[in-house]
PDB file of N, CA and C in Angstrom:
ATOM      1  N   MET A   1       0.913  -1.172  -0.029  1.00  0.00           N
ATOM      2  CA  MET A   1       0.081  -0.092   0.151  1.00  0.00           C
ATOM      3  C   MET A   1       0.912   1.276  -0.062  1.00  0.00           C
ATOM      4  N   GLN A   2       1.959   1.206   0.805  1.00  0.00           N
ATOM      5  CA  GLN A   2       2.737   2.436   0.949  1.00  0.00           C
ATOM      6  C   GLN A   2       3.422   2.662  -0.470  1.00  0.00           C
ATOM      7  N   GLN A   3       3.874   1.691  -1.225  1.00  0.00           N
ATOM      8  CA  GLN A   3       4.416   1.836  -2.473  1.00  0.00           C
ATOM      9  C   GLN A   3       3.446   2.336  -3.480  1.00  0.00           C
ATOM     10  N   ALA A   4       2.153   1.647  -3.535  1.00  0.00           N
ATOM     11  CA  ALA A   4       1.134   1.998  -4.569  1.00  0.00           C
ATOM     12  C   ALA A   4       0.735   3.424  -4.369  1.00  0.00           C
ATOM     13  N   PHE A   5       0.561   4.001  -3.119  1.00  0.00           N
ATOM     14  CA  PHE A   5       0.305   5.464  -3.055  1.00  0.00           C
ATOM     15  C   PHE A   5       1.500   6.358  -2.829  1.00  0.00           C
ATOM     16  N   GLN A   6       2.746   5.619  -3.055  1.00  0.00           N
ATOM     17  CA  GLN A   6       3.876   6.504  -2.966  1.00  0.00           C
ATOM     18  C   GLN A   6       3.838   7.331  -1.604  1.00  0.00           C
ATOM     19  N   ARG A   7       3.593   6.673  -0.513  1.00  0.00           N
ATOM     20  CA  ARG A   7       3.459   7.391   0.826  1.00  0.00           C
ATOM     21  C   ARG A   7       4.166   6.392   1.847  1.00  0.00           C
ATOM     22  N   PRO A   8       5.372   6.613   2.203  1.00  0.00           N
ATOM     23  CA  PRO A   8       5.974   5.810   3.236  1.00  0.00           C
ATOM     24  C   PRO A   8       5.380   6.085   4.588  1.00  0.00           C
ATOM     25  N   ASP A   9       4.652   7.240   4.827  1.00  0.00           N
ATOM     26  CA  ASP A   9       4.043   7.517   5.995  1.00  0.00           C
ATOM     27  C   ASP A   9       2.609   6.843   6.156  1.00  0.00           C
ATOM     28  N   LEU A  10       2.200   6.253   5.202  1.00  0.00           N
ATOM     29  CA  LEU A  10       0.874   5.564   5.343  1.00  0.00           C
ATOM     30  C   LEU A  10       0.841   4.455   6.269  1.00  0.00           C
ATOM     31  N   ARG A  11      -0.040   4.405   7.046  1.00  0.00           N
ATOM     32  CA  ARG A  11      -0.216   3.394   8.137  1.00  0.00           C
ATOM     33  C   ARG A  11      -1.212   2.387   7.734  1.00  0.00           C
ATOM     34  N   VAL A  12      -0.824   1.016   7.571  1.00  0.00           N
ATOM     35  CA  VAL A  12      -1.713  -0.094   7.390  1.00  0.00           C
ATOM     36  C   VAL A  12      -1.780  -1.052   8.483  1.00  0.00           C
ATOM     37  N   PHE A  13      -2.814  -1.109   9.077  1.00  0.00           N
ATOM     38  CA  PHE A  13      -3.020  -2.152  10.197  1.00  0.00           C
ATOM     39  C   PHE A  13      -3.859  -3.570   9.771  1.00  0.00           C
ATOM     40  N   THR A  14      -3.513  -4.436  10.258  1.00  0.00           N
ATOM     41  CA  THR A  14      -4.221  -5.675  10.015  1.00  0.00           C
ATOM     42  C   THR A  14      -4.796  -6.328  11.279  1.00  0.00           C
ATOM     43  N   ASP A  15      -4.587  -5.530  12.477  1.00  0.00           N
ATOM     44  CA  ASP A  15      -5.109  -6.090  13.783  1.00  0.00           C
ATOM     45  C   ASP A  15      -5.772  -4.749  14.230  1.00  0.00           C
ATOM     46  N   SER A  16      -7.175  -4.972  14.480  1.00  0.00           N
ATOM     47  CA  SER A  16      -8.005  -3.759  14.981  1.00  0.00           C
ATOM     48  C   SER A  16      -7.675  -3.310  16.361  1.00  0.00           C
ATOM     49  N   ARG A  17      -7.172  -4.148  17.182  1.00  0.00           N
ATOM     50  CA  ARG A  17      -6.645  -3.670  18.564  1.00  0.00           C
ATOM     51  C   ARG A  17      -5.393  -2.813  18.489  1.00  0.00           C
ATOM     52  N   GLU A  18      -4.551  -3.370  17.729  1.00  0.00           N
ATOM     53  CA  GLU A  18      -3.385  -2.375  17.248  1.00  0.00           C
ATOM     54  C   GLU A  18      -3.646  -1.080  16.736  1.00  0.00           C
ATOM     55  N   MET A  19      -4.754  -1.062  15.839  1.00  0.00           N
ATOM     56  CA  MET A  19      -4.979   0.262  15.200  1.00  0.00           C
ATOM     57  C   MET A  19      -5.630   1.220  16.134  1.00  0.00           C
ATOM     58  N   ALA A  20      -6.581   0.639  17.034  1.00  0.00           N
ATOM     59  CA  ALA A  20      -7.333   1.299  18.050  1.00  0.00           C
ATOM     60  C   ALA A  20      -6.138   1.957  19.212  1.00  0.00           C
ATOM     61  N   ALA A  21      -5.185   1.119  19.469  1.00  0.00           N
ATOM     62  CA  ALA A  21      -4.180   1.664  20.337  1.00  0.00           C
ATOM     63  C   ALA A  21      -3.376   2.816  19.801  1.00  0.00           C
ATOM     64  N   PHE A  22      -2.957   2.623  18.478  1.00  0.00           N
ATOM     65  CA  PHE A  22      -2.289   3.713  17.673  1.00  0.00           C
ATOM     66  C   PHE A  22      -3.186   4.970  17.670  1.00  0.00           C
ATOM     67  N   LEU A  23      -4.453   4.914  17.363  1.00  0.00           N
ATOM     68  CA  LEU A  23      -5.302   6.091  17.243  1.00  0.00           C
ATOM     69  C   LEU A  23      -5.538   6.661  18.754  1.00  0.00           C
ATOM     70  N   HIS A  24      -5.542   5.914  19.661  1.00  0.00           N
ATOM     71  CA  HIS A  24      -5.643   6.508  21.204  1.00  0.00           C
ATOM     72  C   HIS A  24      -4.337   7.373  21.484  1.00  0.00           C
ATOM     73  N   ALA A  25      -3.173   7.022  21.069  1.00  0.00           N
ATOM     74  CA  ALA A  25      -2.037   7.492  21.215  1.00  0.00           C
ATOM     75  C   ALA A  25      -1.696   8.909  20.548  1.00  0.00           C
ATOM     76  N   GLN A  26      -2.626   9.135  19.482  1.00  0.00           N
ATOM     77  CA  GLN A  26      -2.440  10.280  18.605  1.00  0.00           C
ATOM     78  C   GLN A  26      -3.104  11.584  19.216  1.00  0.00           C
ATOM     79  N   ASP A  27      -2.537  12.792  18.745  1.00  0.00           N
ATOM     80  CA  ASP A  27      -3.115  13.989  19.288  1.00  0.00           C
ATOM     81  C   ASP A  27      -4.138  14.615  18.114  1.00  0.00           C
ATOM     82  N   TRP A  28      -5.341  14.523  18.323  1.00  0.00           N
ATOM     83  CA  TRP A  28      -6.238  14.716  17.178  1.00  0.00           C
ATOM     84  C   TRP A  28      -6.684  16.166  17.148  1.00  0.00           C
ATOM     85  N   GLN A  29      -6.054  17.032  17.798  1.00  0.00           N
ATOM     86  CA  GLN A  29      -6.369  18.440  17.891  1.00  0.00           C
ATOM     87  C   GLN A  29      -6.136  19.020  16.478  1.00  0.00           C
ATOM     88  N   ASN A  30      -7.055  19.552  15.820  1.00  0.00           N
ATOM     89  CA  ASN A  30      -6.857  20.185  14.486  1.00  0.00           C
ATOM     90  C   ASN A  30      -6.489  19.227  13.401  1.00  0.00           C
ATOM     91  N   ALA A  31      -6.961  17.973  13.515  1.00  0.00           N
ATOM     92  CA  ALA A  31      -6.556  16.934  12.608  1.00  0.00           C
ATOM     93  C   ALA A  31      -7.653  16.216  12.069  1.00  0.00           C
ATOM     94  N   ASN A  32      -7.572  15.570  10.996  1.00  0.00           N
ATOM     95  CA  ASN A  32      -8.526  14.667  10.283  1.00  0.00           C
ATOM     96  C   ASN A  32      -8.036  13.297  10.213  1.00  0.00           C
ATOM     97  N   LEU A  33      -8.978  12.429  10.130  1.00  0.00           N
ATOM     98  CA  LEU A  33      -8.733  11.042  10.049  1.00  0.00           C
ATOM     99  C   LEU A  33      -9.597  10.368   9.071  1.00  0.00           C
ATOM    100  N   LEU A  34      -9.011   9.619   8.034  1.00  0.00           N
ATOM    101  CA  LEU A  34      -9.614   8.903   7.025  1.00  0.00           C
ATOM    102  C   LEU A  34      -9.323   7.456   7.295  1.00  0.00           C
ATOM    103  N   MET A  35     -10.396   6.693   7.440  1.00  0.00           N
ATOM    104  CA  MET A  35     -10.271   5.163   7.634  1.00  0.00           C
ATOM    105  C   MET A  35     -10.964   4.514   6.525  1.00  0.00           C
ATOM    106  N   MET A  36     -10.126   3.446   5.877  1.00  0.00           N
ATOM    107  CA  MET A  36     -10.715   2.759   4.839  1.00  0.00           C
ATOM    108  C   MET A  36     -10.550   1.372   5.142  1.00  0.00           C
ATOM    109  N   SER A  37     -11.595   0.503   4.706  1.00  0.00           N
ATOM    110  CA  SER A  37     -11.466  -0.835   4.947  1.00  0.00           C
ATOM    111  C   SER A  37     -12.452  -1.643   4.088  1.00  0.00           C
ATOM    112  N   SER A  38     -11.961  -2.807   3.726  1.00  0.00           N
ATOM    113  CA  SER A  38     -12.879  -3.696   2.968  1.00  0.00           C
ATOM    114  C   SER A  38     -13.894  -4.552   3.818  1.00  0.00           C
ATOM    115  N   GLY A  39     -13.850  -4.341   5.102  1.00  0.00           N
ATOM    116  CA  GLY A  39     -14.756  -4.984   6.004  1.00  0.00           C
ATOM    117  C   GLY A  39     -15.338  -4.042   7.091  1.00  0.00           C
ATOM    118  N   THR A  40     -15.303  -4.534   8.327  1.00  0.00           N
ATOM    119  CA  THR A  40     -16.010  -3.844   9.412  1.00  0.00           C
ATOM    120  C   THR A  40     -15.040  -3.511  10.418  1.00  0.00           C
ATOM    121  N   PHE A  41     -13.672  -3.421  10.181  1.00  0.00           N
ATOM    122  CA  PHE A  41     -12.708  -3.109  11.165  1.00  0.00           C
ATOM    123  C   PHE A  41     -12.704  -4.326  12.312  1.00  0.00           C
ATOM    124  N   ASP A  42     -13.011  -5.544  11.831  1.00  0.00           N
ATOM    125  CA  ASP A  42     -13.155  -6.772  12.915  1.00  0.00           C
ATOM    126  C   ASP A  42     -14.199  -6.258  13.947  1.00  0.00           C
ATOM    127  N   GLY A  43     -15.269  -5.650  13.619  1.00  0.00           N
ATOM    128  CA  GLY A  43     -16.242  -5.540  14.692  1.00  0.00           C
ATOM    129  C   GLY A  43     -16.010  -4.282  15.629  1.00  0.00           C
ATOM    130  N   LEU A  44     -15.017  -3.426  15.371  1.00  0.00           N
ATOM    131  CA  LEU A  44     -14.667  -2.425  16.170  1.00  0.00           C
ATOM    132  C   LEU A  44     -15.826  -1.306  16.387  1.00  0.00           C
ATOM    133  N   ASP A  45     -16.269  -0.938  17.538  1.00  0.00           N
ATOM    134  CA  ASP A  45     -17.219   0.070  17.627  1.00  0.00           C
ATOM    135  C   ASP A  45     -16.714   1.465  17.337  1.00  0.00           C
ATOM    136  N   LEU A  46     -16.955   1.829  15.989  1.00  0.00           N
ATOM    137  CA  LEU A  46     -16.287   3.004  15.553  1.00  0.00           C
ATOM    138  C   LEU A  46     -16.931   4.276  16.203  1.00  0.00           C
ATOM    139  N   ASN A  47     -18.224   4.362  16.692  1.00  0.00           N
ATOM    140  CA  ASN A  47     -18.755   5.439  17.432  1.00  0.00           C
ATOM    141  C   ASN A  47     -18.063   5.595  18.732  1.00  0.00           C
ATOM    142  N   GLN A  48     -17.858   4.489  19.358  1.00  0.00           N
ATOM    143  CA  GLN A  48     -17.253   4.505  20.597  1.00  0.00           C
ATOM    144  C   GLN A  48     -15.812   4.790  20.446  1.00  0.00           C
ATOM    145  N   LEU A  49     -15.000   4.493  19.446  1.00  0.00           N
ATOM    146  CA  LEU A  49     -13.704   4.816  19.199  1.00  0.00           C
ATOM    147  C   LEU A  49     -13.487   6.254  19.163  1.00  0.00           C
ATOM    148  N   ALA A  50     -14.456   6.768  18.234  1.00  0.00           N
ATOM    149  CA  ALA A  50     -14.535   8.221  17.919  1.00  0.00           C
ATOM    150  C   ALA A  50     -14.694   9.158  19.110  1.00  0.00           C
ATOM    151  N   ALA A  51     -15.569   8.616  19.958  1.00  0.00           N
ATOM    152  CA  ALA A  51     -15.883   9.466  21.117  1.00  0.00           C
ATOM    153  C   ALA A  51     -14.659   9.424  22.098  1.00  0.00           C
ATOM    154  N   GLU A  52     -13.935   8.298  22.074  1.00  0.00           N
ATOM    155  CA  GLU A  52     -12.726   8.195  22.870  1.00  0.00           C
ATOM    156  C   GLU A  52     -11.555   8.969  22.453  1.00  0.00           C
ATOM    157  N   VAL A  53     -11.413   9.112  21.188  1.00  0.00           N
ATOM    158  CA  VAL A  53     -10.070   9.724  20.707  1.00  0.00           C
ATOM    159  C   VAL A  53     -10.295  11.151  20.465  1.00  0.00           C
ATOM    160  N   THR A  54     -11.615  11.735  20.633  1.00  0.00           N
ATOM    161  CA  THR A  54     -11.774  13.178  20.434  1.00  0.00           C
ATOM    162  C   THR A  54     -12.088  13.783  21.681  1.00  0.00           C
ATOM    163  N   LYS A  55     -11.797  13.213  22.830  1.00  0.00           N
ATOM    164  CA  LYS A  55     -11.877  13.793  24.173  1.00  0.00           C
ATOM    165  C   LYS A  55     -10.901  14.592  24.456  1.00  0.00           C
TER     166      LYS A  55
END
């Protein structure tokens, strides 16, 4: 994916828990997040995740 988009800073996660932990560790002040998936993020509750990371 990084090569296809020519973006070495692109993050690709295959484990939803790892992705959630990464998102919780980020500073989301004045930032945007785009999440793309071919599935359901392994059942991750996206509303809850959004509420947690935007506190």
